[in-house]
Amino acid sequence: QVQLVESGGGLVQAGGSLRLSCAASGLTFRSYAMGWFRQAPGKERDFVANITWGGTGTYYADSVKGRFTISRDNAKNTVYLQMNSLKPEDTAIYYCAAARSRVPTTGPNDYWGQGTQVTVSS
């Protein structure tokens, strides 16, 4: 059974940092590109960042470029999202996703995690 389990969310003041983790099990992790997405209350799920299978390619939404960094450790079956200079508009539930044949998108992916709440206070 495949599981993606996010952790590391919480409440932080504006300007602070958080590091999200997504631990994968039940799949050959290195065979999947990984991504982070977020959904704020009353809004659609948005793309945040993607990372390719070997970690050599990374892609970011314009809203987080220069503040967030996605990385992966294939030995630990884990993908990370380092979030710095957080803003109140970053408040959302953050989800990780896995896709085998392409980088994850906001559409259907092979697997999704359950999400972790990030709240940034002003």
PDB file of N, CA and C in Angstrom:
ATOM      1  N   GLN A   1       0.843  -1.192   0.000  1.00  0.00           N
ATOM      2  CA  GLN A   1       0.000   0.000   0.000  1.00  0.00           C
ATOM      3  C   GLN A   1       0.879   1.242   0.000  1.00  0.00           C
ATOM      4  N   VAL A   2       0.642   2.112  -0.966  1.00  0.00           N
ATOM      5  CA  VAL A   2       1.447   3.321  -1.075  1.00  0.00           C
ATOM      6  C   VAL A   2       0.935   4.368  -0.086  1.00  0.00           C
ATOM      7  N   GLN A   3       1.874   5.004   0.584  1.00  0.00           N
ATOM      8  CA  GLN A   3       1.534   6.102   1.490  1.00  0.00           C
ATOM      9  C   GLN A   3       2.496   7.250   1.279  1.00  0.00           C
ATOM     10  N   LEU A   4       1.960   8.451   1.257  1.00  0.00           N
ATOM     11  CA  LEU A   4       2.733   9.687   1.316  1.00  0.00           C
ATOM     12  C   LEU A   4       2.277  10.412   2.579  1.00  0.00           C
ATOM     13  N   VAL A   5       3.207  10.639   3.499  1.00  0.00           N
ATOM     14  CA  VAL A   5       2.850  11.235   4.778  1.00  0.00           C
ATOM     15  C   VAL A   5       3.630  12.528   4.963  1.00  0.00           C
ATOM     16  N   GLU A   6       2.889  13.637   4.971  1.00  0.00           N
ATOM     17  CA  GLU A   6       3.510  14.944   5.163  1.00  0.00           C
ATOM     18  C   GLU A   6       3.643  15.245   6.658  1.00  0.00           C
ATOM     19  N   SER A   7       4.655  16.029   6.978  1.00  0.00           N
ATOM     20  CA  SER A   7       4.853  16.492   8.352  1.00  0.00           C
ATOM     21  C   SER A   7       5.618  17.804   8.314  1.00  0.00           C
ATOM     22  N   GLY A   8       5.656  18.477   9.462  1.00  0.00           N
ATOM     23  CA  GLY A   8       6.440  19.702   9.575  1.00  0.00           C
ATOM     24  C   GLY A   8       5.628  20.981   9.514  1.00  0.00           C
ATOM     25  N   GLY A   9       4.339  20.881   9.279  1.00  0.00           N
ATOM     26  CA  GLY A   9       3.522  22.078   9.261  1.00  0.00           C
ATOM     27  C   GLY A   9       3.338  22.646  10.660  1.00  0.00           C
ATOM     28  N   GLY A  10       2.741  23.831  10.723  1.00  0.00           N
ATOM     29  CA  GLY A  10       2.500  24.453  12.017  1.00  0.00           C
ATOM     30  C   GLY A  10       2.189  25.917  11.867  1.00  0.00           C
ATOM     31  N   LEU A  11       2.255  26.607  12.995  1.00  0.00           N
ATOM     32  CA  LEU A  11       1.998  28.044  13.048  1.00  0.00           C
ATOM     33  C   LEU A  11       3.324  28.775  13.163  1.00  0.00           C
ATOM     34  N   VAL A  12       3.518  29.771  12.321  1.00  0.00           N
ATOM     35  CA  VAL A  12       4.764  30.535  12.316  1.00  0.00           C
ATOM     36  C   VAL A  12       4.444  31.988  12.024  1.00  0.00           C
ATOM     37  N   GLN A  13       5.253  32.882  12.544  1.00  0.00           N
ATOM     38  CA  GLN A  13       5.073  34.297  12.267  1.00  0.00           C
ATOM     39  C   GLN A  13       5.611  34.642  10.881  1.00  0.00           C
ATOM     40  N   ALA A  14       5.076  35.695  10.316  1.00  0.00           N
ATOM     41  CA  ALA A  14       5.561  36.169   9.026  1.00  0.00           C
ATOM     42  C   ALA A  14       7.071  36.427   9.106  1.00  0.00           C
ATOM     43  N   GLY A  15       7.761  36.007   8.063  1.00  0.00           N
ATOM     44  CA  GLY A  15       9.204  36.119   8.033  1.00  0.00           C
ATOM     45  C   GLY A  15       9.926  34.892   8.543  1.00  0.00           C
ATOM     46  N   GLY A  16       9.186  33.986   9.141  1.00  0.00           N
ATOM     47  CA  GLY A  16       9.777  32.769   9.685  1.00  0.00           C
ATOM     48  C   GLY A  16       9.955  31.686   8.650  1.00  0.00           C
ATOM     49  N   SER A  17      10.382  30.521   9.137  1.00  0.00           N
ATOM     50  CA  SER A  17      10.689  29.396   8.262  1.00  0.00           C
ATOM     51  C   SER A  17      10.048  28.118   8.789  1.00  0.00           C
ATOM     52  N   LEU A  18       9.755  27.232   7.868  1.00  0.00           N
ATOM     53  CA  LEU A  18       9.317  25.880   8.183  1.00  0.00           C
ATOM     54  C   LEU A  18       9.932  24.935   7.162  1.00  0.00           C
ATOM     55  N   ARG A  19      10.114  23.699   7.570  1.00  0.00           N
ATOM     56  CA  ARG A  19      10.571  22.663   6.643  1.00  0.00           C
ATOM     57  C   ARG A  19       9.561  21.532   6.643  1.00  0.00           C
ATOM     58  N   LEU A  20       8.944  21.331   5.503  1.00  0.00           N
ATOM     59  CA  LEU A  20       7.998  20.240   5.359  1.00  0.00           C
ATOM     60  C   LEU A  20       8.722  18.991   4.852  1.00  0.00           C
ATOM     61  N   SER A  21       8.243  17.847   5.300  1.00  0.00           N
ATOM     62  CA  SER A  21       8.753  16.563   4.829  1.00  0.00           C
ATOM     63  C   SER A  21       7.591  15.732   4.309  1.00  0.00           C
ATOM     64  N   CYS A  22       7.876  14.902   3.338  1.00  0.00           N
ATOM     65  CA  CYS A  22       6.892  13.955   2.820  1.00  0.00           C
ATOM     66  C   CYS A  22       7.597  12.613   2.700  1.00  0.00           C
ATOM     67  N   ALA A  23       7.233  11.697   3.577  1.00  0.00           N
ATOM     68  CA  ALA A  23       7.841  10.372   3.578  1.00  0.00           C
ATOM     69  C   ALA A  23       6.987   9.409   2.772  1.00  0.00           C
ATOM     70  N   ALA A  24       7.616   8.748   1.818  1.00  0.00           N
ATOM     71  CA  ALA A  24       6.908   7.818   0.944  1.00  0.00           C
ATOM     72  C   ALA A  24       7.218   6.378   1.323  1.00  0.00           C
ATOM     73  N   SER A  25       6.215   5.535   1.190  1.00  0.00           N
ATOM     74  CA  SER A  25       6.404   4.105   1.420  1.00  0.00           C
ATOM     75  C   SER A  25       5.527   3.327   0.454  1.00  0.00           C
ATOM     76  N   GLY A  26       5.935   2.092   0.180  1.00  0.00           N
ATOM     77  CA  GLY A  26       5.145   1.235  -0.693  1.00  0.00           C
ATOM     78  C   GLY A  26       5.366   1.458  -2.170  1.00  0.00           C
ATOM     79  N   LEU A  27       6.347   2.273  -2.531  1.00  0.00           N
ATOM     80  CA  LEU A  27       6.653   2.505  -3.937  1.00  0.00           C
ATOM     81  C   LEU A  27       8.161   2.623  -4.113  1.00  0.00           C
ATOM     82  N   THR A  28       8.607   2.514  -5.368  1.00  0.00           N
ATOM     83  CA  THR A  28      10.026   2.708  -5.680  1.00  0.00           C
ATOM     84  C   THR A  28      10.238   4.199  -5.845  1.00  0.00           C
ATOM     85  N   PHE A  29      10.644   4.840  -4.774  1.00  0.00           N
ATOM     86  CA  PHE A  29      10.627   6.292  -4.677  1.00  0.00           C
ATOM     87  C   PHE A  29      11.392   6.955  -5.822  1.00  0.00           C
ATOM     88  N   ARG A  30      12.541   6.420  -6.173  1.00  0.00           N
ATOM     89  CA  ARG A  30      13.374   7.066  -7.189  1.00  0.00           C
ATOM     90  C   ARG A  30      12.724   7.022  -8.573  1.00  0.00           C
ATOM     91  N   SER A  31      11.687   6.231  -8.726  1.00  0.00           N
ATOM     92  CA  SER A  31      10.982   6.135 -10.009  1.00  0.00           C
ATOM     93  C   SER A  31       9.880   7.173 -10.159  1.00  0.00           C
ATOM     94  N   TYR A  32       9.711   8.008  -9.146  1.00  0.00           N
ATOM     95  CA  TYR A  32       8.632   8.987  -9.149  1.00  0.00           C
ATOM     96  C   TYR A  32       9.177  10.401  -9.034  1.00  0.00           C
ATOM     97  N   ALA A  33       8.694  11.270  -9.906  1.00  0.00           N
ATOM     98  CA  ALA A  33       8.885  12.694  -9.697  1.00  0.00           C
ATOM     99  C   ALA A  33       7.933  13.126  -8.581  1.00  0.00           C
ATOM    100  N   MET A  34       8.334  14.144  -7.839  1.00  0.00           N
ATOM    101  CA  MET A  34       7.575  14.557  -6.668  1.00  0.00           C
ATOM    102  C   MET A  34       7.228  16.038  -6.757  1.00  0.00           C
ATOM    103  N   GLY A  35       6.161  16.397  -6.081  1.00  0.00           N
ATOM    104  CA  GLY A  35       5.757  17.790  -6.102  1.00  0.00           C
ATOM    105  C   GLY A  35       5.070  18.204  -4.816  1.00  0.00           C
ATOM    106  N   TRP A  36       5.048  19.497  -4.589  1.00  0.00           N
ATOM    107  CA  TRP A  36       4.309  20.093  -3.479  1.00  0.00           C
ATOM    108  C   TRP A  36       3.235  21.014  -4.042  1.00  0.00           C
ATOM    109  N   PHE A  37       2.082  20.960  -3.431  1.00  0.00           N
ATOM    110  CA  PHE A  37       0.938  21.772  -3.824  1.00  0.00           C
ATOM    111  C   PHE A  37       0.298  22.336  -2.563  1.00  0.00           C
ATOM    112  N   ARG A  38      -0.522  23.364  -2.717  1.00  0.00           N
ATOM    113  CA  ARG A  38      -1.182  23.915  -1.547  1.00  0.00           C
ATOM    114  C   ARG A  38      -2.589  24.374  -1.889  1.00  0.00           C
ATOM    115  N   GLN A  39      -3.422  24.353  -0.866  1.00  0.00           N
ATOM    116  CA  GLN A  39      -4.805  24.775  -1.036  1.00  0.00           C
ATOM    117  C   GLN A  39      -5.213  25.620   0.147  1.00  0.00           C
ATOM    118  N   ALA A  40      -5.523  26.886  -0.137  1.00  0.00           N
ATOM    119  CA  ALA A  40      -6.009  27.802   0.887  1.00  0.00           C
ATOM    120  C   ALA A  40      -7.527  27.673   0.980  1.00  0.00           C
ATOM    121  N   PRO A  41      -8.109  28.072   2.108  1.00  0.00           N
ATOM    122  CA  PRO A  41      -9.565  27.958   2.270  1.00  0.00           C
ATOM    123  C   PRO A  41     -10.311  28.674   1.152  1.00  0.00           C
ATOM    124  N   GLY A  42     -11.252  27.988   0.549  1.00  0.00           N
ATOM    125  CA  GLY A  42     -12.075  28.576  -0.492  1.00  0.00           C
ATOM    126  C   GLY A  42     -11.401  28.736  -1.835  1.00  0.00           C
ATOM    127  N   LYS A  43     -10.195  28.197  -1.970  1.00  0.00           N
ATOM    128  CA  LYS A  43      -9.456  28.338  -3.231  1.00  0.00           C
ATOM    129  C   LYS A  43      -9.116  26.965  -3.804  1.00  0.00           C
ATOM    130  N   GLU A  44      -8.727  26.968  -5.068  1.00  0.00           N
ATOM    131  CA  GLU A  44      -8.323  25.730  -5.704  1.00  0.00           C
ATOM    132  C   GLU A  44      -6.908  25.357  -5.273  1.00  0.00           C
ATOM    133  N   ARG A  45      -6.599  24.091  -5.490  1.00  0.00           N
ATOM    134  CA  ARG A  45      -5.259  23.630  -5.187  1.00  0.00           C
ATOM    135  C   ARG A  45      -4.277  24.206  -6.200  1.00  0.00           C
ATOM    136  N   ASP A  46      -3.161  24.750  -5.713  1.00  0.00           N
ATOM    137  CA  ASP A  46      -2.162  25.396  -6.561  1.00  0.00           C
ATOM    138  C   ASP A  46      -0.835  24.649  -6.524  1.00  0.00           C
ATOM    139  N   PHE A  47      -0.130  24.740  -7.626  1.00  0.00           N
ATOM    140  CA  PHE A  47       1.226  24.204  -7.716  1.00  0.00           C
ATOM    141  C   PHE A  47       2.180  25.055  -6.881  1.00  0.00           C
ATOM    142  N   VAL A  48       3.112  24.411  -6.182  1.00  0.00           N
ATOM    143  CA  VAL A  48       4.142  25.116  -5.426  1.00  0.00           C
ATOM    144  C   VAL A  48       5.520  24.809  -6.015  1.00  0.00           C
ATOM    145  N   ALA A  49       5.882  23.526  -6.086  1.00  0.00           N
ATOM    146  CA  ALA A  49       7.212  23.144  -6.562  1.00  0.00           C
ATOM    147  C   ALA A  49       7.219  21.689  -6.992  1.00  0.00           C
ATOM    148  N   ASN A  50       8.110  21.381  -7.948  1.00  0.00           N
ATOM    149  CA  ASN A  50       8.305  20.018  -8.429  1.00  0.00           C
ATOM    150  C   ASN A  50       9.777  19.679  -8.424  1.00  0.00           C
ATOM    151  N   ILE A  51      10.054  18.401  -8.345  1.00  0.00           N
ATOM    152  CA  ILE A  51      11.429  17.938  -8.460  1.00  0.00           C
ATOM    153  C   ILE A  51      11.420  16.645  -9.265  1.00  0.00           C
ATOM    154  N   THR A  52      12.401  16.535 -10.162  1.00  0.00           N
ATOM    155  CA  THR A  52      12.453  15.364 -11.036  1.00  0.00           C
ATOM    156  C   THR A  52      12.978  14.132 -10.302  1.00  0.00           C
ATOM    157  N   TRP A  53      13.006  13.003 -11.001  1.00  0.00           N
ATOM    158  CA  TRP A  53      13.252  11.729 -10.392  1.00  0.00           C
ATOM    159  C   TRP A  53      14.603  11.678  -9.681  1.00  0.00           C
ATOM    160  N   GLY A  54      15.627  12.194 -10.312  1.00  0.00           N
ATOM    161  CA  GLY A  54      16.949  12.172  -9.701  1.00  0.00           C
ATOM    162  C   GLY A  54      17.263  13.420  -8.907  1.00  0.00           C
ATOM    163  N   GLY A  55      16.370  14.391  -8.956  1.00  0.00           N
ATOM    164  CA  GLY A  55      16.563  15.619  -8.195  1.00  0.00           C
ATOM    165  C   GLY A  55      17.326  16.704  -8.923  1.00  0.00           C
ATOM    166  N   THR A  56      17.661  16.467 -10.194  1.00  0.00           N
ATOM    167  CA  THR A  56      18.461  17.465 -10.913  1.00  0.00           C
ATOM    168  C   THR A  56      17.627  18.612 -11.454  1.00  0.00           C
ATOM    169  N   GLY A  57      16.325  18.398 -11.590  1.00  0.00           N
ATOM    170  CA  GLY A  57      15.456  19.457 -12.097  1.00  0.00           C
ATOM    171  C   GLY A  57      14.449  19.887 -11.053  1.00  0.00           C
ATOM    172  N   THR A  58      14.358  21.190 -10.833  1.00  0.00           N
ATOM    173  CA  THR A  58      13.372  21.717  -9.892  1.00  0.00           C
ATOM    174  C   THR A  58      12.613  22.861 -10.557  1.00  0.00           C
ATOM    175  N   TYR A  59      11.347  23.002 -10.184  1.00  0.00           N
ATOM    176  CA  TYR A  59      10.481  24.009 -10.771  1.00  0.00           C
ATOM    177  C   TYR A  59       9.643  24.622  -9.653  1.00  0.00           C
ATOM    178  N   TYR A  60       9.407  25.934  -9.767  1.00  0.00           N
ATOM    179  CA  TYR A  60       8.713  26.648  -8.702  1.00  0.00           C
ATOM    180  C   TYR A  60       7.623  27.558  -9.263  1.00  0.00           C
ATOM    181  N   ALA A  61       6.586  27.722  -8.484  1.00  0.00           N
ATOM    182  CA  ALA A  61       5.612  28.759  -8.777  1.00  0.00           C
ATOM    183  C   ALA A  61       6.271  30.116  -8.568  1.00  0.00           C
ATOM    184  N   ASP A  62       5.871  31.096  -9.360  1.00  0.00           N
ATOM    185  CA  ASP A  62       6.469  32.428  -9.240  1.00  0.00           C
ATOM    186  C   ASP A  62       6.299  32.987  -7.831  1.00  0.00           C
ATOM    187  N   SER A  63       5.213  32.653  -7.188  1.00  0.00           N
ATOM    188  CA  SER A  63       4.914  33.216  -5.868  1.00  0.00           C
ATOM    189  C   SER A  63       5.869  32.741  -4.782  1.00  0.00           C
ATOM    190  N   VAL A  64       6.574  31.639  -5.017  1.00  0.00           N
ATOM    191  CA  VAL A  64       7.473  31.105  -3.985  1.00  0.00           C
ATOM    192  C   VAL A  64       8.932  31.098  -4.427  1.00  0.00           C
ATOM    193  N   LYS A  65       9.178  31.447  -5.674  1.00  0.00           N
ATOM    194  CA  LYS A  65      10.548  31.403  -6.197  1.00  0.00           C
ATOM    195  C   LYS A  65      11.452  32.310  -5.376  1.00  0.00           C
ATOM    196  N   GLY A  66      12.605  31.783  -4.986  1.00  0.00           N
ATOM    197  CA  GLY A  66      13.547  32.541  -4.176  1.00  0.00           C
ATOM    198  C   GLY A  66      13.312  32.420  -2.684  1.00  0.00           C
ATOM    199  N   ARG A  67      12.160  31.871  -2.287  1.00  0.00           N
ATOM    200  CA  ARG A  67      11.861  31.699  -0.856  1.00  0.00           C
ATOM    201  C   ARG A  67      11.762  30.225  -0.466  1.00  0.00           C
ATOM    202  N   PHE A  68      11.275  29.409  -1.355  1.00  0.00           N
ATOM    203  CA  PHE A  68      11.084  27.979  -1.077  1.00  0.00           C
ATOM    204  C   PHE A  68      12.115  27.161  -1.858  1.00  0.00           C
ATOM    205  N   THR A  69      12.516  26.034  -1.269  1.00  0.00           N
ATOM    206  CA  THR A  69      13.436  25.117  -1.935  1.00  0.00           C
ATOM    207  C   THR A  69      12.932  23.688  -1.773  1.00  0.00           C
ATOM    208  N   ILE A  70      12.769  23.001  -2.895  1.00  0.00           N
ATOM    209  CA  ILE A  70      12.372  21.598  -2.868  1.00  0.00           C
ATOM    210  C   ILE A  70      13.627  20.744  -3.027  1.00  0.00           C
ATOM    211  N   SER A  71      13.661  19.634  -2.301  1.00  0.00           N
ATOM    212  CA  SER A  71      14.779  18.705  -2.416  1.00  0.00           C
ATOM    213  C   SER A  71      14.267  17.301  -2.108  1.00  0.00           C
ATOM    214  N   ARG A  72      15.090  16.319  -2.425  1.00  0.00           N
ATOM    215  CA  ARG A  72      14.687  14.945  -2.134  1.00  0.00           C
ATOM    216  C   ARG A  72      15.897  14.135  -1.711  1.00  0.00           C
ATOM    217  N   ASP A  73      15.634  13.117  -0.911  1.00  0.00           N
ATOM    218  CA  ASP A  73      16.656  12.168  -0.487  1.00  0.00           C
ATOM    219  C   ASP A  73      16.132  10.790  -0.869  1.00  0.00           C
ATOM    220  N   ASN A  74      16.633  10.265  -1.971  1.00  0.00           N
ATOM    221  CA  ASN A  74      16.109   8.982  -2.453  1.00  0.00           C
ATOM    222  C   ASN A  74      16.488   7.823  -1.525  1.00  0.00           C
ATOM    223  N   ALA A  75      17.532   7.992  -0.742  1.00  0.00           N
ATOM    224  CA  ALA A  75      17.902   6.948   0.214  1.00  0.00           C
ATOM    225  C   ALA A  75      16.914   6.883   1.379  1.00  0.00           C
ATOM    226  N   LYS A  76      16.269   8.026   1.655  1.00  0.00           N
ATOM    227  CA  LYS A  76      15.313   8.084   2.766  1.00  0.00           C
ATOM    228  C   LYS A  76      13.871   8.102   2.286  1.00  0.00           C
ATOM    229  N   ASN A  77      13.675   8.009   0.967  1.00  0.00           N
ATOM    230  CA  ASN A  77      12.316   8.028   0.396  1.00  0.00           C
ATOM    231  C   ASN A  77      11.536   9.257   0.859  1.00  0.00           C
ATOM    232  N   THR A  78      12.198  10.391   0.860  1.00  0.00           N
ATOM    233  CA  THR A  78      11.587  11.601   1.411  1.00  0.00           C
ATOM    234  C   THR A  78      11.837  12.800   0.496  1.00  0.00           C
ATOM    235  N   VAL A  79      10.822  13.626   0.356  1.00  0.00           N
ATOM    236  CA  VAL A  79      10.952  14.903  -0.335  1.00  0.00           C
ATOM    237  C   VAL A  79      10.692  16.006   0.681  1.00  0.00           C
ATOM    238  N   TYR A  80      11.416  17.105   0.532  1.00  0.00           N
ATOM    239  CA  TYR A  80      11.349  18.205   1.493  1.00  0.00           C
ATOM    240  C   TYR A  80      10.923  19.491   0.794  1.00  0.00           C
ATOM    241  N   LEU A  81      10.381  20.397   1.586  1.00  0.00           N
ATOM    242  CA  LEU A  81      10.107  21.743   1.118  1.00  0.00           C
ATOM    243  C   LEU A  81      10.570  22.698   2.210  1.00  0.00           C
ATOM    244  N   GLN A  82      11.681  23.361   1.972  1.00  0.00           N
ATOM    245  CA  GLN A  82      12.180  24.380   2.890  1.00  0.00           C
ATOM    246  C   GLN A  82      11.517  25.697   2.537  1.00  0.00           C
ATOM    247  N   MET A  83      10.819  26.274   3.487  1.00  0.00           N
ATOM    248  CA  MET A  83      10.072  27.497   3.255  1.00  0.00           C
ATOM    249  C   MET A  83      10.634  28.604   4.134  1.00  0.00           C
ATOM    250  N   ASN A  84      11.176  29.626   3.512  1.00  0.00           N
ATOM    251  CA  ASN A  84      11.753  30.774   4.218  1.00  0.00           C
ATOM    252  C   ASN A  84      10.964  32.029   3.893  1.00  0.00           C
ATOM    253  N   SER A  85      11.162  33.043   4.698  1.00  0.00           N
ATOM    254  CA  SER A  85      10.499  34.338   4.481  1.00  0.00           C
ATOM    255  C   SER A  85       9.005  34.158   4.262  1.00  0.00           C
ATOM    256  N   LEU A  86       8.389  33.402   5.130  1.00  0.00           N
ATOM    257  CA  LEU A  86       6.985  33.074   4.966  1.00  0.00           C
ATOM    258  C   LEU A  86       6.103  34.303   5.098  1.00  0.00           C
ATOM    259  N   LYS A  87       5.017  34.299   4.338  1.00  0.00           N
ATOM    260  CA  LYS A  87       4.070  35.395   4.303  1.00  0.00           C
ATOM    261  C   LYS A  87       2.685  34.865   4.697  1.00  0.00           C
ATOM    262  N   PRO A  88       1.818  35.732   5.191  1.00  0.00           N
ATOM    263  CA  PRO A  88       0.455  35.265   5.528  1.00  0.00           C
ATOM    264  C   PRO A  88      -0.245  34.591   4.348  1.00  0.00           C
ATOM    265  N   GLU A  89       0.039  35.038   3.137  1.00  0.00           N
ATOM    266  CA  GLU A  89      -0.601  34.427   1.962  1.00  0.00           C
ATOM    267  C   GLU A  89      -0.082  33.031   1.652  1.00  0.00           C
ATOM    268  N   ASP A  90       0.927  32.577   2.366  1.00  0.00           N
ATOM    269  CA  ASP A  90       1.393  31.193   2.226  1.00  0.00           C
ATOM    270  C   ASP A  90       0.548  30.234   3.066  1.00  0.00           C
ATOM    271  N   THR A  91      -0.360  30.773   3.867  1.00  0.00           N
ATOM    272  CA  THR A  91      -1.215  29.930   4.698  1.00  0.00           C
ATOM    273  C   THR A  91      -2.078  29.023   3.832  1.00  0.00           C
ATOM    274  N   ALA A  92      -1.995  27.720   4.089  1.00  0.00           N
ATOM    275  CA  ALA A  92      -2.718  26.731   3.285  1.00  0.00           C
ATOM    276  C   ALA A  92      -2.444  25.349   3.853  1.00  0.00           C
ATOM    277  N   ILE A  93      -3.173  24.389   3.328  1.00  0.00           N
ATOM    278  CA  ILE A  93      -2.801  22.993   3.536  1.00  0.00           C
ATOM    279  C   ILE A  93      -1.848  22.620   2.413  1.00  0.00           C
ATOM    280  N   TYR A  94      -0.726  22.039   2.783  1.00  0.00           N
ATOM    281  CA  TYR A  94       0.299  21.664   1.825  1.00  0.00           C
ATOM    282  C   TYR A  94       0.265  20.150   1.610  1.00  0.00           C
ATOM    283  N   TYR A  95       0.243  19.770   0.334  1.00  0.00           N
ATOM    284  CA  TYR A  95       0.160  18.365  -0.055  1.00  0.00           C
ATOM    285  C   TYR A  95       1.380  17.990  -0.886  1.00  0.00           C
ATOM    286  N   CYS A  96       1.851  16.775  -0.706  1.00  0.00           N
ATOM    287  CA  CYS A  96       2.840  16.264  -1.645  1.00  0.00           C
ATOM    288  C   CYS A  96       2.166  15.268  -2.587  1.00  0.00           C
ATOM    289  N   ALA A  97       2.761  15.103  -3.745  1.00  0.00           N
ATOM    290  CA  ALA A  97       2.216  14.217  -4.763  1.00  0.00           C
ATOM    291  C   ALA A  97       3.351  13.514  -5.481  1.00  0.00           C
ATOM    292  N   ALA A  98       3.062  12.349  -6.005  1.00  0.00           N
ATOM    293  CA  ALA A  98       4.032  11.542  -6.748  1.00  0.00           C
ATOM    294  C   ALA A  98       3.458  11.194  -8.105  1.00  0.00           C
ATOM    295  N   ALA A  99       4.314  11.265  -9.123  1.00  0.00           N
ATOM    296  CA  ALA A  99       3.910  10.894 -10.471  1.00  0.00           C
ATOM    297  C   ALA A  99       5.049  10.148 -11.134  1.00  0.00           C
ATOM    298  N   ARG A 100       4.710   9.050 -11.811  1.00  0.00           N
ATOM    299  CA  ARG A 100       5.753   8.187 -12.359  1.00  0.00           C
ATOM    300  C   ARG A 100       6.235   8.649 -13.731  1.00  0.00           C
ATOM    301  N   SER A 101       5.324   9.098 -14.579  1.00  0.00           N
ATOM    302  CA  SER A 101       5.684   9.328 -15.977  1.00  0.00           C
ATOM    303  C   SER A 101       5.898  10.793 -16.339  1.00  0.00           C
ATOM    304  N   ARG A 102       5.662  11.697 -15.399  1.00  0.00           N
ATOM    305  CA  ARG A 102       5.834  13.118 -15.645  1.00  0.00           C
ATOM    306  C   ARG A 102       5.950  13.801 -14.285  1.00  0.00           C
ATOM    307  N   VAL A 103       6.300  15.075 -14.272  1.00  0.00           N
ATOM    308  CA  VAL A 103       6.297  15.774 -12.985  1.00  0.00           C
ATOM    309  C   VAL A 103       4.848  15.981 -12.547  1.00  0.00           C
ATOM    310  N   PRO A 104       4.586  15.962 -11.261  1.00  0.00           N
ATOM    311  CA  PRO A 104       3.200  16.099 -10.792  1.00  0.00           C
ATOM    312  C   PRO A 104       2.591  17.436 -11.199  1.00  0.00           C
ATOM    313  N   THR A 105       1.294  17.421 -11.392  1.00  0.00           N
ATOM    314  CA  THR A 105       0.547  18.621 -11.708  1.00  0.00           C
ATOM    315  C   THR A 105      -0.626  18.743 -10.742  1.00  0.00           C
ATOM    316  N   THR A 106      -1.392  19.802 -10.893  1.00  0.00           N
ATOM    317  CA  THR A 106      -2.566  19.968 -10.042  1.00  0.00           C
ATOM    318  C   THR A 106      -3.674  18.989 -10.418  1.00  0.00           C
ATOM    319  N   GLY A 107      -3.548  18.369 -11.566  1.00  0.00           N
ATOM    320  CA  GLY A 107      -4.518  17.361 -11.996  1.00  0.00           C
ATOM    321  C   GLY A 107      -4.232  16.027 -11.352  1.00  0.00           C
ATOM    322  N   PRO A 108      -4.762  14.964 -11.933  1.00  0.00           N
ATOM    323  CA  PRO A 108      -4.552  13.651 -11.340  1.00  0.00           C
ATOM    324  C   PRO A 108      -3.077  13.258 -11.303  1.00  0.00           C
ATOM    325  N   ASN A 109      -2.638  12.794 -10.165  1.00  0.00           N
ATOM    326  CA  ASN A 109      -1.305  12.239 -10.021  1.00  0.00           C
ATOM    327  C   ASN A 109      -1.449  10.799  -9.528  1.00  0.00           C
ATOM    328  N   ASP A 110      -0.357  10.095  -9.559  1.00  0.00           N
ATOM    329  CA  ASP A 110      -0.441   8.706  -9.132  1.00  0.00           C
ATOM    330  C   ASP A 110      -0.831   8.601  -7.653  1.00  0.00           C
ATOM    331  N   TYR A 111      -0.229   9.471  -6.848  1.00  0.00           N
ATOM    332  CA  TYR A 111      -0.495   9.426  -5.408  1.00  0.00           C
ATOM    333  C   TYR A 111      -0.464  10.827  -4.817  1.00  0.00           C
ATOM    334  N   TRP A 112      -1.314  11.011  -3.800  1.00  0.00           N
ATOM    335  CA  TRP A 112      -1.347  12.252  -3.020  1.00  0.00           C
ATOM    336  C   TRP A 112      -1.216  11.914  -1.543  1.00  0.00           C
ATOM    337  N   GLY A 113      -0.606  12.837  -0.803  1.00  0.00           N
ATOM    338  CA  GLY A 113      -0.610  12.731   0.644  1.00  0.00           C
ATOM    339  C   GLY A 113      -1.867  13.355   1.220  1.00  0.00           C
ATOM    340  N   GLN A 114      -1.974  13.284   2.546  1.00  0.00           N
ATOM    341  CA  GLN A 114      -3.165  13.794   3.242  1.00  0.00           C
ATOM    342  C   GLN A 114      -3.068  15.275   3.544  1.00  0.00           C
ATOM    343  N   GLY A 115      -1.887  15.836   3.503  1.00  0.00           N
ATOM    344  CA  GLY A 115      -1.719  17.255   3.717  1.00  0.00           C
ATOM    345  C   GLY A 115      -1.267  17.605   5.118  1.00  0.00           C
ATOM    346  N   THR A 116      -0.621  18.772   5.228  1.00  0.00           N
ATOM    347  CA  THR A 116      -0.206  19.319   6.516  1.00  0.00           C
ATOM    348  C   THR A 116      -0.503  20.815   6.506  1.00  0.00           C
ATOM    349  N   GLN A 117      -1.044  21.310   7.600  1.00  0.00           N
ATOM    350  CA  GLN A 117      -1.476  22.709   7.675  1.00  0.00           C
ATOM    351  C   GLN A 117      -0.297  23.620   7.969  1.00  0.00           C
ATOM    352  N   VAL A 118      -0.197  24.678   7.203  1.00  0.00           N
ATOM    353  CA  VAL A 118       0.775  25.740   7.461  1.00  0.00           C
ATOM    354  C   VAL A 118      -0.007  27.032   7.660  1.00  0.00           C
ATOM    355  N   THR A 119       0.217  27.672   8.792  1.00  0.00           N
ATOM    356  CA  THR A 119      -0.446  28.930   9.099  1.00  0.00           C
ATOM    357  C   THR A 119       0.604  29.981   9.403  1.00  0.00           C
ATOM    358  N   VAL A 120       0.554  31.091   8.677  1.00  0.00           N
ATOM    359  CA  VAL A 120       1.516  32.169   8.855  1.00  0.00           C
ATOM    360  C   VAL A 120       0.762  33.381   9.397  1.00  0.00           C
ATOM    361  N   SER A 121       1.137  33.806  10.581  1.00  0.00           N
ATOM    362  CA  SER A 121       0.465  34.946  11.201  1.00  0.00           C
ATOM    363  C   SER A 121       1.211  36.233  10.870  1.00  0.00           C
ATOM    364  N   SER A 122       0.451  37.318  10.788  1.00  0.00           N
ATOM    365  CA  SER A 122       1.054  38.614  10.433  1.00  0.00           C
ATOM    366  C   SER A 122       1.498  39.365  11.671  1.00  0.00           C
TER     367      SER A 122
END
